[in-house]
Amino acid sequence: MAKHYILVRHKITDYAQWKPSFDEHGSVRKEASSKGGYILRNVDDPNEVMILLEVEDLMKVRQLLQSEDLKEAMQRSGVVEQPDVYILEEADQPPA
């Protein structure tokens, strides 16, 4: 069975302001089947972040992505534009 991931790209006002809000939302992500992942920052623009999370239940993830709670949390944390969201399936794992 293939692994599933979500990849979210955000533009934020300030990483130091955004990160604690992201961390506070961890239990909500876990309830939506997140198994954890990575936060990545653009080396040329540290206020552009990408979040890659492995997920187990695509229906729960889709519900979370549509929730008002998530939209409000993003506004409070300083997300400044509509995020790009991708729901992905692992296709291959190249050795290098």
Foldseek 3Di string as FASTA:
>chain_A
DWWKKKKKKFQFDDPVLQVVLVVVCVVLVVVLFWPAFDWDADPVHRRIIMGITTGDDVVSVVCVVPDPVVVVSCVNSGGDDDMDMDMDTDDDDDPD
